[in-house]
Amino acid sequence: MHDFEHSPPTPGCTAAIIPAAGSGERFGDARNKIFATLAGQPIWFHAASRLRARAEVGPIVMAVAEADRKAFEAEFAPLVEQLGIQLVNGGAVRTDSVGAALDAIADDSVVMVAVHDGARPLVTDGDLAAVFAAAWHSRAAILATPVAGTIKRDVGYGRKSVTIDRRDLWTALTPQVFHLGLLKEAYRKHNGRPATDDAQLVERIGHDVVLVRGAADNLKITFPEDLLVAEAILARQTNHA
């Protein structure tokens, strides 16, 4: 039994799951967008490297599309080996991929799990430290950023809109970090209901999820133009390191 209230996180206590089984459909590429390069390395490698740099992170499990498995085991084998990544086959939707990765975690020293998008290569070490610490004590915490723009809701009637109060609205980021048993329970009770992130599954079983303010430049690469923005952010991060 771990004393989360009074003990600090221990080295290797957190398994990282990287769901990376999506397609390149919105990215406009036949290949998975995570193969796109940023500063000469695939974007998934940047994401995984930042997790690997944290002492809390032990196993890293990446869920990849079965069609991409050969590329990871051949073309990217040196990078996979360098970071000590375990590959598993992902599924048709995100929850299938995370579920498969959860099933693959067999290290008894793991008590927490961090789920991080393979297409988010720019998460900072400071944000990782903050969300890991918050989750260690609360058992569920995610990085998020306050919604900045004015939010409108389409209510029909000829595209009539109403303005939504944004003061309590946040955009969820990753990683999302949970006690391993808590996330496994959420997945056992999932029953296939649609969910856009893992925090939603945890909320459904009645557990609070702490919001940890993260940098808005923790960008998710979705479209080709996002790479241009990511290059600029990475250059700034590198210059300030």
C-alpha atoms as a PDB file:
ATOM      1  CA  MET A   1       0.000   0.000   0.000  1.00  0.00           C
ATOM      2  CA  HIS A   2       1.488   3.349  -1.049  1.00  0.00           C
ATOM      3  CA  ASP A   3       1.237   6.404   1.180  1.00  0.00           C
ATOM      4  CA  PHE A   4       0.458   8.909  -1.566  1.00  0.00           C
ATOM      5  CA  GLU A   5      -0.221  11.728   0.894  1.00  0.00           C
ATOM      6  CA  HIS A   6       3.209  11.773   2.516  1.00  0.00           C
ATOM      7  CA  SER A   7       5.657   9.998   0.204  1.00  0.00           C
ATOM      8  CA  PRO A   8       7.152  11.421  -2.997  1.00  0.00           C
ATOM      9  CA  PRO A   9       6.853   9.640  -6.358  1.00  0.00           C
ATOM     10  CA  THR A  10       9.467   6.912  -6.699  1.00  0.00           C
ATOM     11  CA  PRO A  11      11.686   6.339  -9.749  1.00  0.00           C
ATOM     12  CA  GLY A  12       9.929   4.220 -12.352  1.00  0.00           C
ATOM     13  CA  CYS A  13       6.572   4.322 -10.552  1.00  0.00           C
ATOM     14  CA  THR A  14       4.730   5.605 -13.623  1.00  0.00           C
ATOM     15  CA  ALA A  15       4.076   3.741 -16.850  1.00  0.00           C
ATOM     16  CA  ALA A  16       3.619   5.922 -19.911  1.00  0.00           C
ATOM     17  CA  ILE A  17       1.100   4.950 -22.572  1.00  0.00           C
ATOM     18  CA  ILE A  18       1.371   6.570 -25.979  1.00  0.00           C
ATOM     19  CA  PRO A  19      -1.655   5.928 -28.207  1.00  0.00           C
ATOM     20  CA  ALA A  20      -0.337   6.314 -31.756  1.00  0.00           C
ATOM     21  CA  ALA A  21      -2.625   4.180 -33.887  1.00  0.00           C
ATOM     22  CA  GLY A  22      -4.431   6.998 -35.679  1.00  0.00           C
ATOM     23  CA  SER A  23      -4.422   7.617 -39.400  1.00  0.00           C
ATOM     24  CA  GLY A  24      -3.058  10.454 -41.514  1.00  0.00           C
ATOM     25  CA  GLU A  25      -6.482  11.332 -42.876  1.00  0.00           C
ATOM     26  CA  ARG A  26      -6.754  14.889 -41.519  1.00  0.00           C
ATOM     27  CA  PHE A  27      -3.015  15.352 -41.915  1.00  0.00           C
ATOM     28  CA  GLY A  28      -3.431  14.713 -45.642  1.00  0.00           C
ATOM     29  CA  ASP A  29      -0.858  11.918 -45.787  1.00  0.00           C
ATOM     30  CA  ALA A  30      -1.153   8.229 -46.550  1.00  0.00           C
ATOM     31  CA  ARG A  31       1.164   7.504 -43.612  1.00  0.00           C
ATOM     32  CA  ASN A  32       0.353   7.984 -39.969  1.00  0.00           C
ATOM     33  CA  LYS A  33       0.991  11.622 -39.041  1.00  0.00           C
ATOM     34  CA  ILE A  34       3.260  10.584 -36.164  1.00  0.00           C
ATOM     35  CA  PHE A  35       5.867   9.613 -38.773  1.00  0.00           C
ATOM     36  CA  ALA A  36       6.110  13.279 -39.822  1.00  0.00           C
ATOM     37  CA  THR A  37       9.445  14.740 -38.818  1.00  0.00           C
ATOM     38  CA  LEU A  38      10.185  17.620 -36.487  1.00  0.00           C
ATOM     39  CA  ALA A  39      13.813  18.767 -36.310  1.00  0.00           C
ATOM     40  CA  GLY A  40      14.864  15.595 -38.101  1.00  0.00           C
ATOM     41  CA  GLN A  41      13.070  13.109 -35.825  1.00  0.00           C
ATOM     42  CA  PRO A  42       9.539  11.661 -36.003  1.00  0.00           C
ATOM     43  CA  ILE A  43       7.135  13.535 -33.777  1.00  0.00           C
ATOM     44  CA  TRP A  44       6.367  10.426 -31.692  1.00  0.00           C
ATOM     45  CA  PHE A  45      10.064  10.246 -30.777  1.00  0.00           C
ATOM     46  CA  HIS A  46       9.994  13.793 -29.394  1.00  0.00           C
ATOM     47  CA  ALA A  47       6.912  12.959 -27.300  1.00  0.00           C
ATOM     48  CA  ALA A  48       8.393   9.712 -25.975  1.00  0.00           C
ATOM     49  CA  SER A  49      11.801  11.291 -25.291  1.00  0.00           C
ATOM     50  CA  ARG A  50      10.286  13.918 -23.018  1.00  0.00           C
ATOM     51  CA  LEU A  51       8.533  11.231 -21.021  1.00  0.00           C
ATOM     52  CA  ARG A  52      11.671   9.086 -20.857  1.00  0.00           C
ATOM     53  CA  ALA A  53      13.621  12.038 -19.406  1.00  0.00           C
ATOM     54  CA  ARG A  54      11.453  11.979 -16.263  1.00  0.00           C
ATOM     55  CA  ALA A  55      12.712   9.812 -13.394  1.00  0.00           C
ATOM     56  CA  GLU A  56       9.140   8.817 -12.527  1.00  0.00           C
ATOM     57  CA  VAL A  57       8.664   7.095 -15.882  1.00  0.00           C
ATOM     58  CA  GLY A  58       9.456   3.399 -16.091  1.00  0.00           C
ATOM     59  CA  PRO A  59       7.811   1.347 -18.860  1.00  0.00           C
ATOM     60  CA  ILE A  60       6.717   3.146 -22.012  1.00  0.00           C
ATOM     61  CA  VAL A  61       4.070   1.302 -24.016  1.00  0.00           C
ATOM     62  CA  MET A  62       3.163   2.613 -27.458  1.00  0.00           C
ATOM     63  CA  ALA A  63       0.001   1.396 -29.167  1.00  0.00           C
ATOM     64  CA  VAL A  64       0.483   1.482 -32.932  1.00  0.00           C
ATOM     65  CA  ALA A  65      -1.705   0.534 -35.857  1.00  0.00           C
ATOM     66  CA  GLU A  66      -1.066  -3.003 -37.031  1.00  0.00           C
ATOM     67  CA  ALA A  67      -0.284  -1.576 -40.478  1.00  0.00           C
ATOM     68  CA  ASP A  68       2.479   0.580 -38.930  1.00  0.00           C
ATOM     69  CA  ARG A  69       4.028  -2.172 -36.793  1.00  0.00           C
ATOM     70  CA  LYS A  70       6.592  -3.184 -39.429  1.00  0.00           C
ATOM     71  CA  ALA A  71       7.841   0.379 -39.748  1.00  0.00           C
ATOM     72  CA  PHE A  72       8.399   0.617 -35.988  1.00  0.00           C
ATOM     73  CA  GLU A  73      10.138  -2.754 -35.881  1.00  0.00           C
ATOM     74  CA  ALA A  74      12.364  -2.008 -38.877  1.00  0.00           C
ATOM     75  CA  GLU A  75      12.707   1.642 -39.876  1.00  0.00           C
ATOM     76  CA  PHE A  76      12.442   2.957 -36.316  1.00  0.00           C
ATOM     77  CA  ALA A  77      13.921   0.004 -34.426  1.00  0.00           C
ATOM     78  CA  PRO A  78      16.976   1.952 -33.154  1.00  0.00           C
ATOM     79  CA  LEU A  79      14.767   4.750 -31.765  1.00  0.00           C
ATOM     80  CA  VAL A  80      12.352   2.283 -30.168  1.00  0.00           C
ATOM     81  CA  GLU A  81      15.274   0.472 -28.545  1.00  0.00           C
ATOM     82  CA  GLN A  82      16.958   3.710 -27.449  1.00  0.00           C
ATOM     83  CA  LEU A  83      13.898   4.721 -25.418  1.00  0.00           C
ATOM     84  CA  GLY A  84      13.014   1.209 -24.250  1.00  0.00           C
ATOM     85  CA  ILE A  85       9.553   1.307 -25.798  1.00  0.00           C
ATOM     86  CA  GLN A  86       7.264  -1.713 -25.793  1.00  0.00           C
ATOM     87  CA  LEU A  87       4.996  -1.884 -28.850  1.00  0.00           C
ATOM     88  CA  VAL A  88       1.448  -3.224 -28.828  1.00  0.00           C
ATOM     89  CA  ASN A  89      -1.205  -3.269 -31.529  1.00  0.00           C
ATOM     90  CA  GLY A  90      -3.674  -0.436 -31.166  1.00  0.00           C
ATOM     91  CA  GLY A  91      -7.341  -0.505 -32.072  1.00  0.00           C
ATOM     92  CA  ALA A  92      -9.879   1.325 -34.187  1.00  0.00           C
ATOM     93  CA  VAL A  93     -10.499   4.014 -31.551  1.00  0.00           C
ATOM     94  CA  ARG A  94      -8.383   5.618 -28.845  1.00  0.00           C
ATOM     95  CA  THR A  95      -9.910   3.662 -25.971  1.00  0.00           C
ATOM     96  CA  ASP A  96      -9.072   0.386 -27.729  1.00  0.00           C
ATOM     97  CA  SER A  97      -5.434   1.457 -28.009  1.00  0.00           C
ATOM     98  CA  VAL A  98      -5.113   2.634 -24.417  1.00  0.00           C
ATOM     99  CA  GLY A  99      -6.874  -0.494 -23.205  1.00  0.00           C
ATOM    100  CA  ALA A 100      -4.432  -2.725 -25.096  1.00  0.00           C
ATOM    101  CA  ALA A 101      -1.494  -0.818 -23.603  1.00  0.00           C
ATOM    102  CA  LEU A 102      -2.964  -1.079 -20.098  1.00  0.00           C
ATOM    103  CA  ASP A 103      -3.196  -4.845 -20.494  1.00  0.00           C
ATOM    104  CA  ALA A 104       0.502  -4.952 -21.418  1.00  0.00           C
ATOM    105  CA  ILE A 105       1.728  -3.268 -18.213  1.00  0.00           C
ATOM    106  CA  ALA A 106       3.203  -6.055 -16.105  1.00  0.00           C
ATOM    107  CA  ASP A 107       5.760  -4.230 -13.932  1.00  0.00           C
ATOM    108  CA  ASP A 108       4.769  -4.608 -10.257  1.00  0.00           C
ATOM    109  CA  SER A 109       6.543  -1.357  -9.351  1.00  0.00           C
ATOM    110  CA  VAL A 110       4.123   0.673 -11.484  1.00  0.00           C
ATOM    111  CA  VAL A 111       1.398   2.424  -9.494  1.00  0.00           C
ATOM    112  CA  MET A 112       0.585   5.317 -11.830  1.00  0.00           C
ATOM    113  CA  VAL A 113      -0.021   5.605 -15.562  1.00  0.00           C
ATOM    114  CA  ALA A 114       0.394   8.638 -17.830  1.00  0.00           C
ATOM    115  CA  VAL A 115      -1.434   8.680 -21.166  1.00  0.00           C
ATOM    116  CA  HIS A 116       0.171  11.048 -23.653  1.00  0.00           C
ATOM    117  CA  ASP A 117      -0.630  11.669 -27.314  1.00  0.00           C
ATOM    118  CA  GLY A 118       2.095  10.568 -29.696  1.00  0.00           C
ATOM    119  CA  ALA A 119       1.270  13.685 -31.720  1.00  0.00           C
ATOM    120  CA  ARG A 120       2.124  16.072 -28.834  1.00  0.00           C
ATOM    121  CA  PRO A 121       5.906  16.458 -29.118  1.00  0.00           C
ATOM    122  CA  LEU A 122       6.302  19.742 -27.218  1.00  0.00           C
ATOM    123  CA  VAL A 123       5.173  19.079 -23.631  1.00  0.00           C
ATOM    124  CA  THR A 124       7.615  20.733 -21.241  1.00  0.00           C
ATOM    125  CA  ASP A 125       9.463  19.099 -18.393  1.00  0.00           C
ATOM    126  CA  GLY A 126       7.939  21.602 -15.980  1.00  0.00           C
ATOM    127  CA  ASP A 127       4.410  20.671 -17.029  1.00  0.00           C
ATOM    128  CA  LEU A 128       5.244  16.972 -16.719  1.00  0.00           C
ATOM    129  CA  ALA A 129       6.591  17.502 -13.204  1.00  0.00           C
ATOM    130  CA  ALA A 130       3.473  19.442 -12.200  1.00  0.00           C
ATOM    131  CA  VAL A 131       0.908  16.951 -13.489  1.00  0.00           C
ATOM    132  CA  PHE A 132       2.837  13.949 -12.133  1.00  0.00           C
ATOM    133  CA  ALA A 133       2.952  15.543  -8.683  1.00  0.00           C
ATOM    134  CA  ALA A 134      -0.741  16.474  -8.724  1.00  0.00           C
ATOM    135  CA  ALA A 135      -1.789  12.985  -9.834  1.00  0.00           C
ATOM    136  CA  TRP A 136       0.404  11.324  -7.225  1.00  0.00           C
ATOM    137  CA  HIS A 137      -1.590  12.998  -4.441  1.00  0.00           C
ATOM    138  CA  SER A 138      -5.050  13.163  -6.073  1.00  0.00           C
ATOM    139  CA  ARG A 139      -4.852   9.897  -8.088  1.00  0.00           C
ATOM    140  CA  ALA A 140      -6.156  11.685 -11.196  1.00  0.00           C
ATOM    141  CA  ALA A 141      -4.839  14.844 -12.860  1.00  0.00           C
ATOM    142  CA  ILE A 142      -4.555  16.178 -16.378  1.00  0.00           C
ATOM    143  CA  LEU A 143      -2.823  19.044 -18.097  1.00  0.00           C
ATOM    144  CA  ALA A 144      -5.280  21.600 -19.439  1.00  0.00           C
ATOM    145  CA  THR A 145      -5.336  25.193 -20.581  1.00  0.00           C
ATOM    146  CA  PRO A 146      -8.113  27.785 -20.131  1.00  0.00           C
ATOM    147  CA  VAL A 147     -10.192  28.463 -23.233  1.00  0.00           C
ATOM    148  CA  ALA A 148      -9.008  31.808 -24.592  1.00  0.00           C
ATOM    149  CA  GLY A 149     -11.361  32.634 -27.443  1.00  0.00           C
ATOM    150  CA  THR A 150     -15.018  33.603 -27.424  1.00  0.00           C
ATOM    151  CA  ILE A 151     -17.126  30.435 -27.619  1.00  0.00           C
ATOM    152  CA  LYS A 152     -20.324  30.256 -29.683  1.00  0.00           C
ATOM    153  CA  ARG A 153     -22.964  27.509 -29.768  1.00  0.00           C
ATOM    154  CA  ASP A 154     -24.999  26.888 -32.907  1.00  0.00           C
ATOM    155  CA  VAL A 155     -28.641  26.547 -31.823  1.00  0.00           C
ATOM    156  CA  GLY A 156     -30.071  26.136 -35.311  1.00  0.00           C
ATOM    157  CA  TYR A 157     -32.807  28.379 -36.654  1.00  0.00           C
ATOM    158  CA  GLY A 158     -30.745  29.584 -39.608  1.00  0.00           C
ATOM    159  CA  ARG A 159     -27.364  29.130 -37.861  1.00  0.00           C
ATOM    160  CA  LYS A 160     -28.330  31.317 -34.942  1.00  0.00           C
ATOM    161  CA  SER A 161     -25.624  31.437 -32.274  1.00  0.00           C
ATOM    162  CA  VAL A 162     -25.432  32.027 -28.551  1.00  0.00           C
ATOM    163  CA  THR A 163     -22.312  33.003 -26.634  1.00  0.00           C
ATOM    164  CA  ILE A 164     -21.040  30.606 -23.965  1.00  0.00           C
ATOM    165  CA  ASP A 165     -19.458  31.821 -20.727  1.00  0.00           C
ATOM    166  CA  ARG A 166     -15.881  30.580 -21.031  1.00  0.00           C
ATOM    167  CA  ARG A 167     -14.714  31.396 -17.500  1.00  0.00           C
ATOM    168  CA  ASP A 168     -14.932  27.777 -16.344  1.00  0.00           C
ATOM    169  CA  LEU A 169     -13.975  26.158 -19.664  1.00  0.00           C
ATOM    170  CA  TRP A 170     -10.662  24.413 -20.226  1.00  0.00           C
ATOM    171  CA  THR A 171      -9.131  22.579 -23.166  1.00  0.00           C
ATOM    172  CA  ALA A 172      -7.822  19.179 -22.126  1.00  0.00           C
ATOM    173  CA  LEU A 173      -4.199  18.397 -22.989  1.00  0.00           C
ATOM    174  CA  THR A 174      -2.001  15.398 -22.281  1.00  0.00           C
ATOM    175  CA  PRO A 175      -0.487  13.706 -20.442  1.00  0.00           C
ATOM    176  CA  GLN A 176      -3.423  12.608 -18.360  1.00  0.00           C
ATOM    177  CA  VAL A 177      -2.146  10.822 -15.267  1.00  0.00           C
ATOM    178  CA  PHE A 178      -4.007   8.370 -13.047  1.00  0.00           C
ATOM    179  CA  HIS A 179      -3.516   5.766 -10.377  1.00  0.00           C
ATOM    180  CA  LEU A 180      -3.152   2.526 -12.331  1.00  0.00           C
ATOM    181  CA  GLY A 181      -5.956   0.750 -10.487  1.00  0.00           C
ATOM    182  CA  LEU A 182      -8.288   3.707 -10.986  1.00  0.00           C
ATOM    183  CA  LEU A 183      -7.767   3.821 -14.749  1.00  0.00           C
ATOM    184  CA  LYS A 184      -8.132   0.048 -15.026  1.00  0.00           C
ATOM    185  CA  GLU A 185     -11.427   0.260 -13.134  1.00  0.00           C
ATOM    186  CA  ALA A 186     -12.611   3.014 -15.486  1.00  0.00           C
ATOM    187  CA  TYR A 187     -11.786   0.845 -18.468  1.00  0.00           C
ATOM    188  CA  ARG A 188     -13.510  -2.210 -16.979  1.00  0.00           C
ATOM    189  CA  LYS A 189     -16.698  -0.131 -16.665  1.00  0.00           C
ATOM    190  CA  HIS A 190     -16.309   1.583 -20.034  1.00  0.00           C
ATOM    191  CA  ASN A 191     -18.769  -0.649 -21.941  1.00  0.00           C
ATOM    192  CA  GLY A 192     -17.961   0.952 -25.279  1.00  0.00           C
ATOM    193  CA  ARG A 193     -19.608   4.325 -24.624  1.00  0.00           C
ATOM    194  CA  PRO A 194     -17.914   7.033 -26.711  1.00  0.00           C
ATOM    195  CA  ALA A 195     -15.250   9.039 -24.878  1.00  0.00           C
ATOM    196  CA  THR A 196     -12.841  11.614 -26.221  1.00  0.00           C
ATOM    197  CA  ASP A 197     -10.241  11.224 -23.480  1.00  0.00           C
ATOM    198  CA  ASP A 198      -9.338   9.027 -20.533  1.00  0.00           C
ATOM    199  CA  ALA A 199     -10.343  11.627 -17.958  1.00  0.00           C
ATOM    200  CA  GLN A 200     -13.931  11.287 -19.170  1.00  0.00           C
ATOM    201  CA  LEU A 201     -13.906   7.580 -18.306  1.00  0.00           C
ATOM    202  CA  VAL A 202     -12.528   8.320 -14.835  1.00  0.00           C
ATOM    203  CA  GLU A 203     -15.138  11.043 -14.294  1.00  0.00           C
ATOM    204  CA  ARG A 204     -17.874   8.551 -15.178  1.00  0.00           C
ATOM    205  CA  ILE A 205     -16.956   6.277 -12.276  1.00  0.00           C
ATOM    206  CA  GLY A 206     -17.272   9.201  -9.875  1.00  0.00           C
ATOM    207  CA  HIS A 207     -13.641  10.185  -9.300  1.00  0.00           C
ATOM    208  CA  ASP A 208     -12.583  13.844  -9.443  1.00  0.00           C
ATOM    209  CA  VAL A 209      -9.937  14.795 -11.992  1.00  0.00           C
ATOM    210  CA  VAL A 210      -7.648  17.691 -11.068  1.00  0.00           C
ATOM    211  CA  LEU A 211      -6.905  20.267 -13.758  1.00  0.00           C
ATOM    212  CA  VAL A 212      -3.257  21.335 -13.864  1.00  0.00           C
ATOM    213  CA  ARG A 213      -2.652  24.430 -15.945  1.00  0.00           C
ATOM    214  CA  GLY A 214      -0.268  23.575 -18.755  1.00  0.00           C
ATOM    215  CA  ALA A 215       1.329  25.548 -21.536  1.00  0.00           C
ATOM    216  CA  ALA A 216      -0.936  26.246 -24.499  1.00  0.00           C
ATOM    217  CA  ASP A 217       2.003  25.457 -26.797  1.00  0.00           C
ATOM    218  CA  ASN A 218       1.680  21.762 -25.878  1.00  0.00           C
ATOM    219  CA  LEU A 219       0.460  21.496 -29.444  1.00  0.00           C
ATOM    220  CA  LYS A 220      -1.176  18.426 -30.978  1.00  0.00           C
ATOM    221  CA  ILE A 221      -0.029  17.930 -34.548  1.00  0.00           C
ATOM    222  CA  THR A 222      -3.206  17.527 -36.588  1.00  0.00           C
ATOM    223  CA  PHE A 223      -2.621  19.374 -39.871  1.00  0.00           C
ATOM    224  CA  PRO A 224       0.581  19.888 -41.916  1.00  0.00           C
ATOM    225  CA  GLU A 225       0.693  23.582 -41.009  1.00  0.00           C
ATOM    226  CA  ASP A 226       0.935  22.588 -37.341  1.00  0.00           C
ATOM    227  CA  LEU A 227       4.486  21.397 -38.038  1.00  0.00           C
ATOM    228  CA  LEU A 228       5.519  24.956 -38.933  1.00  0.00           C
ATOM    229  CA  VAL A 229       4.195  26.212 -35.605  1.00  0.00           C
ATOM    230  CA  ALA A 230       5.832  23.280 -33.803  1.00  0.00           C
ATOM    231  CA  GLU A 231       9.218  24.067 -35.380  1.00  0.00           C
ATOM    232  CA  ALA A 232       9.010  27.634 -34.049  1.00  0.00           C
ATOM    233  CA  ILE A 233       7.964  26.472 -30.557  1.00  0.00           C
ATOM    234  CA  LEU A 234      10.725  23.862 -30.464  1.00  0.00           C
ATOM    235  CA  ALA A 235      13.317  26.443 -31.499  1.00  0.00           C
ATOM    236  CA  ARG A 236      12.174  28.758 -28.696  1.00  0.00           C
ATOM    237  CA  GLN A 237      12.212  25.935 -26.147  1.00  0.00           C
ATOM    238  CA  THR A 238      15.698  24.906 -27.241  1.00  0.00           C
ATOM    239  CA  ASN A 239      17.036  28.460 -27.018  1.00  0.00           C
ATOM    240  CA  HIS A 240      15.667  28.837 -23.482  1.00  0.00           C
ATOM    241  CA  ALA A 241      16.856  25.457 -22.241  1.00  0.00           C
END
